[in-house]
Amino acid sequence: MNILISDEAPLGFDLSITVPQGFSRDLLTVELAAALKESLVPTDSLVQIWIEDTQIDDDNLLDSIGFSSYRDLWQMRCKFPPTGEDIPTRKFICGVDDEAFLEVNSRAFSWHPEQGSLDSSKLNDLIKEEWFDDEGFLLLEVKNRLAGFCWTKVHHQGDLTVGEIFVIAVDPDFHGRGFGKPLTISGLNYLANVGADLGMLYVEADNKPAIRIYEDIGFTHFSTNRAYRKSV
C-alpha cells in the first residue's frame, strides 16, 4: 500500500497526493515528506493531500508538516431497498449523448474542482474503463431535454458487492422540481437489480441539502476522506 501521486492535480493545485485507507500512521509524515521531495515541485507550489478514512489524530499529524484541513468528503452507505419512489430514465448512448451530458455536468459542477473539469477526452477515458456499464448510466429527460443523470458503478470487494452512485446531478435549470431524490433511487434500484449488496456514494460534508435527501433515502455516514493543503 503506497502513497499515490496524481498524474493531474485538480484546478488550483500544482500537486495532489492521496493516502489510501489503512496506511500506517507511524509512517505517514515520513512517507509524505519523501513523496514531496521526490515530486520535485517548485517553491511556492500549492499541494493538496487527501487522506482516505480520516482518523482522529490526522489533523495533528498533518499540522506537524505544515498542512491544514480545508475539505471533507463523506462516504455514505445505505441498505436496499431505498426509501421512496424512483423516476423513469433511459440509458446513456455513447457517441450520441456525450455532448448533452458534458454540458449538464459542466453547469451542475461549475464549482467542483474535479468533476467540473470533465471534458470529452476524460469522458472517453472513463468509458473505456473495465467497470463502465452504459446500462447503469441513467439519463433523466424532460420534454426531450437532458434534465439530469445518475451514473453508477459496481465495486467487488471480496464477498461484498458495493453499488456506487458515481456521479449524480440535476441541471440547474431544473432545480427545485424534486428530481434529485427519485433520480438517486433510480440509480440504487438499478444497482440492487444487478446484484449489489448495498448502496454507496460520496458527498461534500458541507452540502447539507444533498445530505438531507440521502438520509431520507436511508443513507448514513460511513467514513470521511479529508483534504489538506499548503504551499511548499
Protein backbone atom coordinates (compact mmCIF):
# COMPACT_ATOMS: atom_id res chain seq x y z
CA MET A 1 0.00 0.00 0.00
CA ASN A 2 1.69 3.17 -1.23
CA ILE A 3 1.04 6.88 -1.15
CA LEU A 4 -0.25 7.90 -4.58
CA ILE A 5 0.79 10.97 -6.56
CA SER A 6 -1.85 12.08 -9.07
CA ASP A 7 -0.96 12.40 -12.73
CA GLU A 8 -3.09 15.54 -12.87
CA ALA A 9 -3.73 17.92 -9.98
CA PRO A 10 -7.21 19.48 -9.65
CA LEU A 11 -7.83 23.10 -10.52
CA GLY A 12 -5.89 25.45 -8.25
CA PHE A 13 -3.22 22.95 -7.18
CA ASP A 14 0.20 22.06 -8.53
CA LEU A 15 0.33 18.61 -6.92
CA SER A 16 -2.20 16.19 -5.40
CA ILE A 17 -1.25 13.25 -3.17
CA THR A 18 -3.58 10.55 -1.82
CA VAL A 19 -3.01 8.47 1.31
CA PRO A 20 -5.00 5.24 0.88
CA GLN A 21 -7.25 3.75 3.54
CA GLY A 22 -5.34 1.72 6.10
CA PHE A 23 -1.97 3.43 5.61
CA SER A 24 0.19 3.19 8.76
CA ARG A 25 0.07 6.40 10.76
CA ASP A 26 3.52 5.56 12.20
CA LEU A 27 4.98 6.08 8.71
CA LEU A 28 2.66 8.82 7.49
CA THR A 29 4.68 12.02 7.99
CA VAL A 30 7.97 10.41 6.92
CA GLU A 31 6.44 8.96 3.75
CA LEU A 32 4.66 12.20 2.89
CA ALA A 33 7.88 14.16 3.28
CA ALA A 34 9.62 11.67 0.99
CA ALA A 35 6.83 11.91 -1.59
CA LEU A 36 7.01 15.71 -1.59
CA LYS A 37 10.77 15.60 -2.03
CA GLU A 38 10.56 13.11 -4.90
CA SER A 39 7.89 15.14 -6.68
CA LEU A 40 10.36 18.00 -7.25
CA VAL A 41 7.60 20.63 -7.15
CA PRO A 42 8.89 24.22 -7.37
CA THR A 43 8.99 26.51 -4.34
CA ASP A 44 5.59 28.10 -3.53
CA SER A 45 3.68 25.28 -5.28
CA LEU A 46 0.25 24.61 -3.78
CA VAL A 47 -0.02 20.99 -2.69
CA GLN A 48 -3.12 19.00 -1.72
CA ILE A 49 -3.09 15.81 0.36
CA TRP A 50 -6.16 13.58 0.55
CA ILE A 51 -6.36 11.12 3.44
CA GLU A 52 -8.89 8.35 2.93
CA ASP A 53 -10.87 7.26 6.02
CA THR A 54 -9.52 10.01 8.27
CA GLN A 55 -8.55 9.07 11.81
CA ILE A 56 -8.79 11.15 14.98
CA ASP A 57 -5.11 12.25 15.11
CA ASP A 58 -4.66 13.02 11.40
CA ASP A 59 -5.16 16.78 11.81
CA ASN A 60 -2.28 16.91 14.30
CA LEU A 61 -0.05 14.73 12.12
CA LEU A 62 -0.60 16.89 9.05
CA ASP A 63 -0.25 20.08 11.07
CA SER A 64 3.21 18.88 12.14
CA ILE A 65 4.36 19.10 8.50
CA GLY A 66 2.54 22.36 7.83
CA PHE A 67 -0.73 21.18 6.26
CA SER A 68 -4.20 22.31 7.33
CA SER A 69 -7.54 20.71 6.50
CA TYR A 70 -9.95 22.51 4.18
CA ARG A 71 -12.40 19.96 2.76
CA ASP A 72 -14.25 16.85 3.95
CA LEU A 73 -15.82 14.27 1.68
CA TRP A 74 -18.26 11.86 3.30
CA GLN A 75 -18.80 8.32 2.20
CA MET A 76 -22.41 7.36 2.91
CA ARG A 77 -23.94 3.90 2.62
CA CYS A 78 -27.47 2.50 2.56
CA LYS A 79 -29.23 -0.83 2.62
CA PHE A 80 -31.60 -1.99 -0.10
CA PRO A 81 -34.36 -1.29 -0.87
CA PRO A 82 -34.07 2.52 -0.64
CA THR A 83 -36.92 4.56 0.82
CA GLY A 84 -39.01 6.36 -1.80
CA GLU A 85 -40.12 6.20 -5.42
CA ASP A 86 -37.86 6.26 -8.47
CA ILE A 87 -38.32 8.12 -11.76
CA PRO A 88 -38.22 6.87 -15.37
CA THR A 89 -34.81 7.12 -17.03
CA ARG A 90 -33.06 5.78 -20.09
CA LYS A 91 -29.52 4.54 -20.59
CA PHE A 92 -26.67 6.69 -21.87
CA ILE A 93 -25.80 6.11 -25.54
CA CYS A 94 -22.08 6.51 -26.23
CA GLY A 95 -21.37 8.90 -29.08
CA VAL A 96 -24.92 10.27 -29.01
CA ASP A 97 -25.39 11.68 -25.52
CA ASP A 98 -21.81 12.80 -24.85
CA GLU A 99 -22.28 16.49 -25.66
CA ALA A 100 -25.55 16.91 -23.77
CA PHE A 101 -24.12 15.09 -20.75
CA LEU A 102 -20.95 17.19 -20.69
CA GLU A 103 -22.97 20.40 -20.92
CA VAL A 104 -25.19 19.47 -17.96
CA ASN A 105 -22.21 18.17 -15.99
CA SER A 106 -20.34 21.43 -16.55
CA ARG A 107 -23.31 23.52 -15.45
CA ALA A 108 -24.08 21.37 -12.42
CA PHE A 109 -20.46 21.11 -11.25
CA SER A 110 -19.09 24.54 -12.20
CA TRP A 111 -17.95 24.86 -8.55
CA HIS A 112 -16.33 21.41 -8.29
CA PRO A 113 -12.50 21.22 -8.66
CA GLU A 114 -12.51 17.67 -10.07
CA GLN A 115 -15.87 16.86 -11.66
CA GLY A 116 -16.24 20.33 -13.13
CA SER A 117 -13.17 19.82 -15.33
CA LEU A 118 -14.58 16.74 -17.11
CA ASP A 119 -14.24 17.07 -20.89
CA SER A 120 -14.73 14.80 -23.90
CA SER A 121 -11.23 13.32 -23.63
CA LYS A 122 -11.66 12.41 -19.95
CA LEU A 123 -15.16 11.09 -20.62
CA ASN A 124 -13.81 8.80 -23.34
CA ASP A 125 -11.17 7.53 -20.92
CA LEU A 126 -13.87 6.70 -18.36
CA ILE A 127 -16.00 4.94 -20.96
CA LYS A 128 -13.02 2.70 -21.76
CA GLU A 129 -12.66 1.64 -18.11
CA GLU A 130 -13.43 -2.02 -17.39
CA TRP A 131 -16.14 -1.07 -14.89
CA PHE A 132 -18.09 1.13 -17.33
CA ASP A 133 -21.65 -0.05 -17.99
CA ASP A 134 -23.89 2.06 -20.21
CA GLU A 135 -26.98 0.36 -18.73
CA GLY A 136 -26.05 1.86 -15.37
CA PHE A 137 -25.54 5.38 -16.76
CA LEU A 138 -29.09 6.70 -16.33
CA LEU A 139 -30.40 9.83 -18.04
CA LEU A 140 -33.46 11.82 -16.96
CA GLU A 141 -35.14 13.69 -19.81
CA VAL A 142 -37.89 16.29 -19.62
CA LYS A 143 -39.52 17.30 -22.91
CA ASN A 144 -36.61 15.86 -24.91
CA ARG A 145 -34.05 17.80 -22.89
CA LEU A 146 -31.49 16.26 -20.53
CA ALA A 147 -32.55 17.34 -17.05
CA GLY A 148 -30.22 15.17 -15.01
CA PHE A 149 -28.21 11.97 -14.81
CA CYS A 150 -27.25 9.24 -12.37
CA TRP A 151 -24.06 7.39 -13.27
CA THR A 152 -23.49 4.19 -11.30
CA LYS A 153 -20.50 1.96 -10.69
CA VAL A 154 -20.13 -1.52 -9.16
CA HIS A 155 -17.24 -2.46 -6.85
CA HIS A 156 -16.44 -6.08 -5.98
CA GLN A 157 -14.76 -6.16 -2.57
CA GLY A 158 -14.22 -9.81 -1.73
CA ASP A 159 -17.61 -11.28 -0.85
CA LEU A 160 -19.22 -7.83 -0.80
CA THR A 161 -20.58 -6.08 -3.89
CA VAL A 162 -20.94 -2.33 -3.38
CA GLY A 163 -23.07 -0.29 -5.78
CA GLU A 164 -21.89 3.30 -6.05
CA ILE A 165 -23.77 6.38 -7.19
CA PHE A 166 -20.63 7.52 -9.01
CA VAL A 167 -21.91 10.91 -10.20
CA ILE A 168 -25.39 12.38 -9.93
CA ALA A 169 -26.63 15.83 -10.94
CA VAL A 170 -29.69 17.80 -11.97
CA ASP A 171 -29.28 20.64 -14.47
CA PRO A 172 -29.59 23.97 -12.60
CA ASP A 173 -32.49 24.89 -14.90
CA PHE A 174 -34.45 22.02 -13.33
CA HIS A 175 -33.58 22.64 -9.69
CA GLY A 176 -36.49 22.89 -7.31
CA ARG A 177 -38.62 20.28 -9.08
CA GLY A 178 -37.79 17.43 -6.72
CA PHE A 179 -35.81 15.35 -9.23
CA GLY A 180 -32.76 14.66 -7.04
CA LYS A 181 -34.29 12.10 -4.69
CA PRO A 182 -36.16 9.91 -7.23
CA LEU A 183 -33.17 10.04 -9.60
CA THR A 184 -30.91 8.74 -6.80
CA ILE A 185 -33.43 5.98 -6.07
CA SER A 186 -33.48 5.01 -9.76
CA GLY A 187 -29.73 4.51 -9.58
CA LEU A 188 -29.96 2.50 -6.36
CA ASN A 189 -32.72 0.29 -7.77
CA TYR A 190 -30.56 -0.42 -10.82
CA LEU A 191 -27.62 -1.35 -8.58
CA ALA A 192 -29.79 -3.65 -6.47
CA ASN A 193 -31.11 -5.34 -9.62
CA VAL A 194 -27.58 -6.12 -10.86
CA GLY A 195 -26.63 -7.76 -7.58
CA ALA A 196 -25.12 -5.05 -5.36
CA ASP A 197 -25.40 -5.79 -1.62
CA LEU A 198 -25.62 -2.14 -0.57
CA GLY A 199 -25.51 1.39 -1.96
CA MET A 200 -22.73 3.92 -1.54
CA LEU A 201 -21.91 7.48 -2.59
CA TYR A 202 -19.59 10.37 -1.79
CA VAL A 203 -20.86 13.83 -0.89
CA GLU A 204 -19.24 17.06 0.26
CA ALA A 205 -19.68 17.26 4.04
CA ASP A 206 -20.97 20.84 3.81
CA ASN A 207 -23.62 20.00 1.19
CA LYS A 208 -26.42 19.87 3.73
CA PRO A 209 -29.35 19.85 1.23
CA ALA A 210 -27.93 16.78 -0.54
CA ILE A 211 -27.16 15.03 2.74
CA ARG A 212 -30.76 15.55 3.91
CA ILE A 213 -32.03 13.93 0.70
CA TYR A 214 -29.66 10.98 1.08
CA GLU A 215 -30.63 10.50 4.73
CA ASP A 216 -34.31 10.45 3.72
CA ILE A 217 -33.48 7.63 1.29
CA GLY A 218 -31.73 5.64 4.02
CA PHE A 219 -28.06 6.63 3.74
CA THR A 220 -25.91 7.07 6.85
CA HIS A 221 -22.37 8.41 7.27
CA PHE A 222 -19.77 5.63 6.90
CA SER A 223 -16.36 7.35 6.71
CA THR A 224 -14.67 10.65 5.90
CA ASN A 225 -11.95 11.49 3.38
CA ARG A 226 -10.23 14.75 4.30
CA ALA A 227 -8.17 17.12 2.13
CA TYR A 228 -5.26 19.20 3.43
CA ARG A 229 -3.29 21.93 1.69
CA LYS A 230 -0.26 24.19 1.93
CA SER A 231 2.33 25.97 -0.20
CA VAL A 232 5.72 24.27 -0.20
